Amino acid sequence: MSEPDRIFSQPQPHIPDFTFNEDVVRVFPDMIKRSAPGYPTIVENIGLLGARFAQPDSVLYDLGCSLGAVTQALRRHVKTERCRVIGVDNSSAMIQRCREYMLAQDSMYQELLPVELQEADILELDFQPCSLVAMNFTLQFIAPEQRLDLLRRIRQSLLPGGALVLSEKLCFADPEEHALLTDLHIDFKRANGYSDLEIAQKRTAIENVMRPDTFETHRERLLAAGFSKVVLWFQCLNFSSMIALP
């Protein structure tokens, strides 16, 4: 059961870089719901996109799966024969809790896709032939100089007719647009009960580990990685999701 997110509710003399540790795992569902505009819509629609792009005898990847929200959506919606989902995360605490969530889902539904969870660095994965890859707010935590090579390897593993679904927080080249959407995001978090202290301390913790790009940067990088088309299918404030086609 998720606990309320109070990680940054008290003043901290030293704020370490944000990590997906056990403290974050305990509050993650509450944190993401109150921090990421449109997150439930993105997750549910990745399940629907999976149903559209999934091919028989292929893998569906959830890279940076955290607690498995996308994996669960794929298992609910995809009925393609002989598909399986592989969820990957480098946080042992996330993977451990994710296994519990998958067992709970198995007890509630019948005939779900098989799922395999791996505690691993996605930069070191040996990708299997896949028809869908979901990266839901994951690429932004990878060093910028390593992003293109990872996307190239994903593109090389995608079957014809497959897709990469990439969800990312955006920054904006126009300073006024960036400032407006940043302020609106802060308003969103305030409306969900976060104090100015919590917002400021979270920003300090995450600014060195999460480096967002503009949509234009994402599009140019995806095309350089070998994708033929990039479609922005969702945006709410500065949170977005795009489909990249081989």
C-alpha atoms as a PDB file:
ATOM      1  CA  MET A   1       0.000   0.000   0.000  1.00  0.00           C
ATOM      2  CA  SER A   2       1.399   3.399  -0.947  1.00  0.00           C
ATOM      3  CA  GLU A   3       2.182   5.919   1.765  1.00  0.00           C
ATOM      4  CA  PRO A   4       1.747   9.702   1.391  1.00  0.00           C
ATOM      5  CA  ASP A   5       4.809  11.459  -0.011  1.00  0.00           C
ATOM      6  CA  ARG A   6       6.363  13.485   2.793  1.00  0.00           C
ATOM      7  CA  ILE A   7      10.020  12.945   1.834  1.00  0.00           C
ATOM      8  CA  PHE A   8      10.763  16.661   1.497  1.00  0.00           C
ATOM      9  CA  SER A   9       8.229  18.006   4.001  1.00  0.00           C
ATOM     10  CA  GLN A  10      10.842  18.962   6.613  1.00  0.00           C
ATOM     11  CA  PRO A  11      13.805  21.332   6.084  1.00  0.00           C
ATOM     12  CA  GLN A  12      16.961  19.413   5.178  1.00  0.00           C
ATOM     13  CA  PRO A  13      20.376  21.008   5.778  1.00  0.00           C
ATOM     14  CA  HIS A  14      21.905  18.862   3.024  1.00  0.00           C
ATOM     15  CA  ILE A  15      19.822  17.553   0.130  1.00  0.00           C
ATOM     16  CA  PRO A  16      21.384  14.540  -1.593  1.00  0.00           C
ATOM     17  CA  ASP A  17      20.744  13.723  -5.227  1.00  0.00           C
ATOM     18  CA  PHE A  18      17.424  12.000  -5.833  1.00  0.00           C
ATOM     19  CA  THR A  19      17.533   8.192  -6.017  1.00  0.00           C
ATOM     20  CA  PHE A  20      14.845   5.555  -6.404  1.00  0.00           C
ATOM     21  CA  ASN A  21      15.525   4.018  -3.002  1.00  0.00           C
ATOM     22  CA  GLU A  22      13.228   2.286  -0.515  1.00  0.00           C
ATOM     23  CA  ASP A  23      11.944   5.607   0.858  1.00  0.00           C
ATOM     24  CA  VAL A  24      10.854   6.670  -2.630  1.00  0.00           C
ATOM     25  CA  VAL A  25       9.389   3.245  -3.422  1.00  0.00           C
ATOM     26  CA  ARG A  26       7.088   3.459  -0.384  1.00  0.00           C
ATOM     27  CA  VAL A  27       5.551   6.730  -1.585  1.00  0.00           C
ATOM     28  CA  PHE A  28       6.067   6.479  -5.352  1.00  0.00           C
ATOM     29  CA  PRO A  29       2.407   6.054  -6.440  1.00  0.00           C
ATOM     30  CA  ASP A  30       1.422   9.116  -4.410  1.00  0.00           C
ATOM     31  CA  MET A  31       4.479  11.065  -5.589  1.00  0.00           C
ATOM     32  CA  ILE A  32       3.925  10.429  -9.281  1.00  0.00           C
ATOM     33  CA  LYS A  33       0.175  11.124  -9.095  1.00  0.00           C
ATOM     34  CA  ARG A  34       0.758  14.496  -7.424  1.00  0.00           C
ATOM     35  CA  SER A  35       3.820  15.486  -9.466  1.00  0.00           C
ATOM     36  CA  ALA A  36       3.294  14.379 -13.079  1.00  0.00           C
ATOM     37  CA  PRO A  37       0.354  15.949 -14.954  1.00  0.00           C
ATOM     38  CA  GLY A  38      -1.411  13.419 -17.158  1.00  0.00           C
ATOM     39  CA  TYR A  39       0.475  10.401 -15.851  1.00  0.00           C
ATOM     40  CA  PRO A  40      -2.551   8.057 -15.530  1.00  0.00           C
ATOM     41  CA  THR A  41      -3.679   8.964 -19.062  1.00  0.00           C
ATOM     42  CA  ILE A  42      -0.226   8.235 -20.467  1.00  0.00           C
ATOM     43  CA  VAL A  43       0.015   4.868 -18.708  1.00  0.00           C
ATOM     44  CA  GLU A  44      -3.410   3.629 -19.780  1.00  0.00           C
ATOM     45  CA  ASN A  45      -2.867   4.709 -23.369  1.00  0.00           C
ATOM     46  CA  ILE A  46       0.493   2.939 -23.549  1.00  0.00           C
ATOM     47  CA  GLY A  47      -1.549  -0.198 -22.909  1.00  0.00           C
ATOM     48  CA  LEU A  48      -3.753   0.688 -25.876  1.00  0.00           C
ATOM     49  CA  LEU A  49      -0.713   1.471 -28.036  1.00  0.00           C
ATOM     50  CA  GLY A  50       0.719  -1.886 -27.043  1.00  0.00           C
ATOM     51  CA  ALA A  51      -2.440  -3.573 -28.290  1.00  0.00           C
ATOM     52  CA  ARG A  52      -2.007  -1.793 -31.631  1.00  0.00           C
ATOM     53  CA  PHE A  53       1.698  -2.502 -32.190  1.00  0.00           C
ATOM     54  CA  ALA A  54       2.250  -5.870 -30.456  1.00  0.00           C
ATOM     55  CA  GLN A  55       3.194  -8.718 -32.770  1.00  0.00           C
ATOM     56  CA  PRO A  56       3.083 -12.487 -32.151  1.00  0.00           C
ATOM     57  CA  ASP A  57       6.264 -14.115 -30.817  1.00  0.00           C
ATOM     58  CA  SER A  58       7.796 -10.802 -29.755  1.00  0.00           C
ATOM     59  CA  VAL A  59       8.807  -8.986 -26.605  1.00  0.00           C
ATOM     60  CA  LEU A  60       7.231  -5.828 -25.196  1.00  0.00           C
ATOM     61  CA  TYR A  61       9.760  -3.880 -23.136  1.00  0.00           C
ATOM     62  CA  ASP A  62       9.005  -1.580 -20.201  1.00  0.00           C
ATOM     63  CA  LEU A  63      12.363   0.126 -19.661  1.00  0.00           C
ATOM     64  CA  GLY A  64      12.647   1.837 -16.301  1.00  0.00           C
ATOM     65  CA  CYS A  65       9.536  -0.002 -15.200  1.00  0.00           C
ATOM     66  CA  SER A  66       9.581   1.261 -11.564  1.00  0.00           C
ATOM     67  CA  LEU A  67       6.511  -0.300  -9.899  1.00  0.00           C
ATOM     68  CA  GLY A  68       5.199  -1.701 -13.175  1.00  0.00           C
ATOM     69  CA  ALA A  69       2.295   0.612 -14.025  1.00  0.00           C
ATOM     70  CA  VAL A  70       3.036   0.399 -17.762  1.00  0.00           C
ATOM     71  CA  THR A  71       3.678  -3.342 -17.546  1.00  0.00           C
ATOM     72  CA  GLN A  72       0.294  -3.822 -15.915  1.00  0.00           C
ATOM     73  CA  ALA A  73      -1.402  -1.699 -18.600  1.00  0.00           C
ATOM     74  CA  LEU A  74       0.237  -3.758 -21.348  1.00  0.00           C
ATOM     75  CA  ARG A  75      -0.862  -6.994 -19.695  1.00  0.00           C
ATOM     76  CA  ARG A  76      -4.449  -5.724 -19.430  1.00  0.00           C
ATOM     77  CA  HIS A  77      -4.771  -4.569 -23.024  1.00  0.00           C
ATOM     78  CA  VAL A  78      -2.520  -6.730 -25.214  1.00  0.00           C
ATOM     79  CA  LYS A  79      -4.135  -9.972 -26.400  1.00  0.00           C
ATOM     80  CA  THR A  80      -1.601 -10.821 -29.114  1.00  0.00           C
ATOM     81  CA  GLU A  81      -0.529 -14.451 -29.051  1.00  0.00           C
ATOM     82  CA  ARG A  82       2.815 -15.522 -27.656  1.00  0.00           C
ATOM     83  CA  CYS A  83       3.842 -12.029 -26.527  1.00  0.00           C
ATOM     84  CA  ARG A  84       5.565 -11.403 -23.237  1.00  0.00           C
ATOM     85  CA  VAL A  85       6.501  -8.308 -21.286  1.00  0.00           C
ATOM     86  CA  ILE A  86       9.989  -7.685 -19.942  1.00  0.00           C
ATOM     87  CA  GLY A  87      10.173  -4.972 -17.288  1.00  0.00           C
ATOM     88  CA  VAL A  88      13.626  -3.617 -16.457  1.00  0.00           C
ATOM     89  CA  ASP A  89      14.743  -1.310 -13.671  1.00  0.00           C
ATOM     90  CA  ASN A  90      18.095  -0.732 -11.977  1.00  0.00           C
ATOM     91  CA  SER A  91      16.506  -0.130  -8.548  1.00  0.00           C
ATOM     92  CA  SER A  92      16.340  -3.312  -6.491  1.00  0.00           C
ATOM     93  CA  ALA A  93      13.723  -1.732  -4.220  1.00  0.00           C
ATOM     94  CA  MET A  94      11.514  -0.938  -7.229  1.00  0.00           C
ATOM     95  CA  ILE A  95      11.855  -4.428  -8.719  1.00  0.00           C
ATOM     96  CA  GLN A  96      11.080  -6.109  -5.415  1.00  0.00           C
ATOM     97  CA  ARG A  97       7.860  -4.129  -4.938  1.00  0.00           C
ATOM     98  CA  CYS A  98       6.997  -4.508  -8.622  1.00  0.00           C
ATOM     99  CA  ARG A  99       7.072  -8.305  -8.247  1.00  0.00           C
ATOM    100  CA  GLU A 100       4.484  -7.999  -5.482  1.00  0.00           C
ATOM    101  CA  TYR A 101       2.266  -5.851  -7.712  1.00  0.00           C
ATOM    102  CA  MET A 102       2.497  -8.383 -10.554  1.00  0.00           C
ATOM    103  CA  LEU A 103       1.460 -11.206  -8.244  1.00  0.00           C
ATOM    104  CA  ALA A 104      -1.519  -9.137  -7.101  1.00  0.00           C
ATOM    105  CA  GLN A 105      -2.486  -8.473 -10.724  1.00  0.00           C
ATOM    106  CA  ASP A 106      -2.229 -12.202 -11.504  1.00  0.00           C
ATOM    107  CA  SER A 107      -4.709 -12.921  -8.718  1.00  0.00           C
ATOM    108  CA  MET A 108      -7.224 -10.413 -10.137  1.00  0.00           C
ATOM    109  CA  TYR A 109      -7.111 -11.194 -13.861  1.00  0.00           C
ATOM    110  CA  GLN A 110      -6.940 -14.296 -16.024  1.00  0.00           C
ATOM    111  CA  GLU A 111      -5.034 -14.902 -19.260  1.00  0.00           C
ATOM    112  CA  LEU A 112      -2.550 -12.076 -18.798  1.00  0.00           C
ATOM    113  CA  LEU A 113       0.650 -11.859 -20.808  1.00  0.00           C
ATOM    114  CA  PRO A 114       3.602 -13.502 -19.074  1.00  0.00           C
ATOM    115  CA  VAL A 115       5.986 -11.016 -17.498  1.00  0.00           C
ATOM    116  CA  GLU A 116       9.674 -11.152 -16.643  1.00  0.00           C
ATOM    117  CA  LEU A 117      11.217  -8.550 -14.338  1.00  0.00           C
ATOM    118  CA  GLN A 118      14.921  -7.808 -14.493  1.00  0.00           C
ATOM    119  CA  GLU A 119      17.057  -5.730 -12.155  1.00  0.00           C
ATOM    120  CA  ALA A 120      19.514  -4.382 -14.706  1.00  0.00           C
ATOM    121  CA  ASP A 121      21.023  -1.303 -16.321  1.00  0.00           C
ATOM    122  CA  ILE A 122      19.152  -0.713 -19.569  1.00  0.00           C
ATOM    123  CA  LEU A 123      22.392   0.627 -21.085  1.00  0.00           C
ATOM    124  CA  GLU A 124      23.802  -2.893 -20.828  1.00  0.00           C
ATOM    125  CA  LEU A 125      20.770  -4.863 -22.046  1.00  0.00           C
ATOM    126  CA  ASP A 126      21.034  -7.316 -24.902  1.00  0.00           C
ATOM    127  CA  PHE A 127      17.716  -6.486 -26.555  1.00  0.00           C
ATOM    128  CA  GLN A 128      15.583  -9.246 -27.999  1.00  0.00           C
ATOM    129  CA  PRO A 129      13.418  -8.746 -31.114  1.00  0.00           C
ATOM    130  CA  CYS A 130      10.576  -6.547 -29.900  1.00  0.00           C
ATOM    131  CA  SER A 131       7.444  -4.951 -31.276  1.00  0.00           C
ATOM    132  CA  LEU A 132       6.984  -2.313 -28.556  1.00  0.00           C
ATOM    133  CA  VAL A 133       9.402  -0.494 -26.275  1.00  0.00           C
ATOM    134  CA  ALA A 134       8.020   1.832 -23.605  1.00  0.00           C
ATOM    135  CA  MET A 135      10.296   4.298 -21.832  1.00  0.00           C
ATOM    136  CA  ASN A 136       8.042   6.165 -19.449  1.00  0.00           C
ATOM    137  CA  PHE A 137      10.020   9.087 -17.980  1.00  0.00           C
ATOM    138  CA  THR A 138      13.243   7.057 -18.095  1.00  0.00           C
ATOM    139  CA  LEU A 139      15.485   8.584 -20.770  1.00  0.00           C
ATOM    140  CA  GLN A 140      15.689  11.868 -18.833  1.00  0.00           C
ATOM    141  CA  PHE A 141      17.617  10.055 -16.071  1.00  0.00           C
ATOM    142  CA  ILE A 142      20.267   8.752 -18.494  1.00  0.00           C
ATOM    143  CA  ALA A 143      23.363  10.836 -19.183  1.00  0.00           C
ATOM    144  CA  PRO A 144      22.730  12.914 -22.338  1.00  0.00           C
ATOM    145  CA  GLU A 145      25.819  11.577 -24.095  1.00  0.00           C
ATOM    146  CA  GLN A 146      24.521   7.996 -23.720  1.00  0.00           C
ATOM    147  CA  ARG A 147      20.996   8.573 -25.034  1.00  0.00           C
ATOM    148  CA  LEU A 148      21.630   8.318 -28.776  1.00  0.00           C
ATOM    149  CA  ASP A 149      23.458   4.982 -28.562  1.00  0.00           C
ATOM    150  CA  LEU A 150      20.664   3.489 -26.442  1.00  0.00           C
ATOM    151  CA  LEU A 151      18.009   4.663 -28.906  1.00  0.00           C
ATOM    152  CA  ARG A 152      20.017   3.229 -31.799  1.00  0.00           C
ATOM    153  CA  ARG A 153      20.132  -0.173 -30.125  1.00  0.00           C
ATOM    154  CA  ILE A 154      16.384  -0.022 -29.437  1.00  0.00           C
ATOM    155  CA  ARG A 155      15.733   0.897 -33.075  1.00  0.00           C
ATOM    156  CA  GLN A 156      17.859  -2.024 -34.277  1.00  0.00           C
ATOM    157  CA  SER A 157      15.872  -4.417 -32.069  1.00  0.00           C
ATOM    158  CA  LEU A 158      12.428  -3.195 -33.141  1.00  0.00           C
ATOM    159  CA  LEU A 159      10.566  -5.346 -35.631  1.00  0.00           C
ATOM    160  CA  PRO A 160       9.098  -3.713 -38.749  1.00  0.00           C
ATOM    161  CA  GLY A 161       5.744  -2.258 -37.738  1.00  0.00           C
ATOM    162  CA  GLY A 162       6.794  -1.872 -34.110  1.00  0.00           C
ATOM    163  CA  ALA A 163       7.069   1.332 -32.081  1.00  0.00           C
ATOM    164  CA  LEU A 164       8.920   3.094 -29.302  1.00  0.00           C
ATOM    165  CA  VAL A 165       6.731   5.046 -26.882  1.00  0.00           C
ATOM    166  CA  LEU A 166       8.854   7.681 -25.169  1.00  0.00           C
ATOM    167  CA  SER A 167       7.391   9.779 -22.341  1.00  0.00           C
ATOM    168  CA  GLU A 168       9.488  12.686 -21.067  1.00  0.00           C
ATOM    169  CA  LYS A 169       9.308  15.916 -19.154  1.00  0.00           C
ATOM    170  CA  LEU A 170      10.110  18.694 -21.626  1.00  0.00           C
ATOM    171  CA  CYS A 171      12.021  21.919 -21.457  1.00  0.00           C
ATOM    172  CA  PHE A 172      11.441  24.678 -24.000  1.00  0.00           C
ATOM    173  CA  ALA A 173      13.760  26.785 -26.113  1.00  0.00           C
ATOM    174  CA  ASP A 174      11.585  29.883 -25.777  1.00  0.00           C
ATOM    175  CA  PRO A 175      12.299  31.374 -22.320  1.00  0.00           C
ATOM    176  CA  GLU A 176       8.767  32.739 -21.845  1.00  0.00           C
ATOM    177  CA  GLU A 177       7.169  29.423 -22.808  1.00  0.00           C
ATOM    178  CA  HIS A 178       9.541  27.554 -20.502  1.00  0.00           C
ATOM    179  CA  ALA A 179       8.851  29.909 -17.591  1.00  0.00           C
ATOM    180  CA  LEU A 180       5.079  29.743 -18.074  1.00  0.00           C
ATOM    181  CA  LEU A 181       4.888  25.951 -18.222  1.00  0.00           C
ATOM    182  CA  THR A 182       7.302  25.610 -15.300  1.00  0.00           C
ATOM    183  CA  ASP A 183       5.120  27.939 -13.220  1.00  0.00           C
ATOM    184  CA  LEU A 184       1.981  26.025 -14.227  1.00  0.00           C
ATOM    185  CA  HIS A 185       3.636  22.775 -13.182  1.00  0.00           C
ATOM    186  CA  ILE A 186       4.429  24.307  -9.782  1.00  0.00           C
ATOM    187  CA  ASP A 187       0.780  25.379  -9.514  1.00  0.00           C
ATOM    188  CA  PHE A 188      -0.221  21.781 -10.289  1.00  0.00           C
ATOM    189  CA  LYS A 189       1.955  20.485  -7.434  1.00  0.00           C
ATOM    190  CA  ARG A 190       0.665  23.126  -5.028  1.00  0.00           C
ATOM    191  CA  ALA A 191      -2.909  22.183  -5.936  1.00  0.00           C
ATOM    192  CA  ASN A 192      -2.021  18.586  -5.053  1.00  0.00           C
ATOM    193  CA  GLY A 193      -0.903  19.548  -1.569  1.00  0.00           C
ATOM    194  CA  TYR A 194       2.838  20.083  -1.915  1.00  0.00           C
ATOM    195  CA  SER A 195       4.273  23.024   0.029  1.00  0.00           C
ATOM    196  CA  ASP A 196       6.746  25.492  -1.451  1.00  0.00           C
ATOM    197  CA  LEU A 197       9.415  23.908   0.776  1.00  0.00           C
ATOM    198  CA  GLU A 198       8.699  20.437  -0.629  1.00  0.00           C
ATOM    199  CA  ILE A 199       8.725  21.743  -4.199  1.00  0.00           C
ATOM    200  CA  ALA A 200      12.010  23.600  -3.728  1.00  0.00           C
ATOM    201  CA  GLN A 201      13.804  20.739  -1.969  1.00  0.00           C
ATOM    202  CA  LYS A 202      12.618  18.173  -4.530  1.00  0.00           C
ATOM    203  CA  ARG A 203      13.861  20.452  -7.319  1.00  0.00           C
ATOM    204  CA  THR A 204      17.294  20.659  -5.668  1.00  0.00           C
ATOM    205  CA  ALA A 205      17.432  16.877  -5.236  1.00  0.00           C
ATOM    206  CA  ILE A 206      16.506  16.076  -8.820  1.00  0.00           C
ATOM    207  CA  GLU A 207      18.160  18.809 -10.880  1.00  0.00           C
ATOM    208  CA  ASN A 208      21.508  16.969 -11.129  1.00  0.00           C
ATOM    209  CA  VAL A 209      20.033  13.584 -12.051  1.00  0.00           C
ATOM    210  CA  MET A 210      17.135  14.483 -14.378  1.00  0.00           C
ATOM    211  CA  ARG A 211      18.065  16.466 -17.477  1.00  0.00           C
ATOM    212  CA  PRO A 212      15.077  17.110 -19.766  1.00  0.00           C
ATOM    213  CA  ASP A 213      15.292  17.990 -23.457  1.00  0.00           C
ATOM    214  CA  THR A 214      13.101  19.982 -25.811  1.00  0.00           C
ATOM    215  CA  PHE A 215      10.748  18.080 -28.103  1.00  0.00           C
ATOM    216  CA  GLU A 216      12.864  19.243 -31.041  1.00  0.00           C
ATOM    217  CA  THR A 217      15.956  17.668 -29.453  1.00  0.00           C
ATOM    218  CA  HIS A 218      14.086  14.419 -28.884  1.00  0.00           C
ATOM    219  CA  ARG A 219      12.827  14.375 -32.455  1.00  0.00           C
ATOM    220  CA  GLU A 220      16.256  15.066 -33.987  1.00  0.00           C
ATOM    221  CA  ARG A 221      17.892  12.401 -31.808  1.00  0.00           C
ATOM    222  CA  LEU A 222      15.251   9.788 -32.625  1.00  0.00           C
ATOM    223  CA  LEU A 223      15.640  10.454 -36.348  1.00  0.00           C
ATOM    224  CA  ALA A 224      19.426  10.212 -35.961  1.00  0.00           C
ATOM    225  CA  ALA A 225      18.918   6.862 -34.218  1.00  0.00           C
ATOM    226  CA  GLY A 226      17.163   5.532 -37.320  1.00  0.00           C
ATOM    227  CA  PHE A 227      13.493   6.142 -36.624  1.00  0.00           C
ATOM    228  CA  SER A 228      11.479   7.400 -39.597  1.00  0.00           C
ATOM    229  CA  LYS A 229       8.754   9.405 -37.854  1.00  0.00           C
ATOM    230  CA  VAL A 230       8.163  10.950 -34.438  1.00  0.00           C
ATOM    231  CA  VAL A 231       4.615  11.803 -33.363  1.00  0.00           C
ATOM    232  CA  LEU A 232       3.829  13.837 -30.238  1.00  0.00           C
ATOM    233  CA  TRP A 233       0.609  12.143 -29.152  1.00  0.00           C
ATOM    234  CA  PHE A 234       0.229  13.654 -25.667  1.00  0.00           C
ATOM    235  CA  GLN A 235       1.238  16.791 -23.789  1.00  0.00           C
ATOM    236  CA  CYS A 236      -0.029  18.195 -20.505  1.00  0.00           C
ATOM    237  CA  LEU A 237       1.942  21.244 -19.383  1.00  0.00           C
ATOM    238  CA  ASN A 238       5.601  20.175 -19.617  1.00  0.00           C
ATOM    239  CA  PHE A 239       4.918  16.412 -19.545  1.00  0.00           C
ATOM    240  CA  SER A 240       4.699  14.631 -22.870  1.00  0.00           C
ATOM    241  CA  SER A 241       4.666  11.316 -24.678  1.00  0.00           C
ATOM    242  CA  MET A 242       5.686  10.548 -28.241  1.00  0.00           C
ATOM    243  CA  ILE A 243       5.595   7.609 -30.623  1.00  0.00           C
ATOM    244  CA  ALA A 244       8.714   6.846 -32.692  1.00  0.00           C
ATOM    245  CA  LEU A 245       8.217   4.561 -35.682  1.00  0.00           C
ATOM    246  CA  PRO A 246      10.949   2.510 -37.392  1.00  0.00           C
END
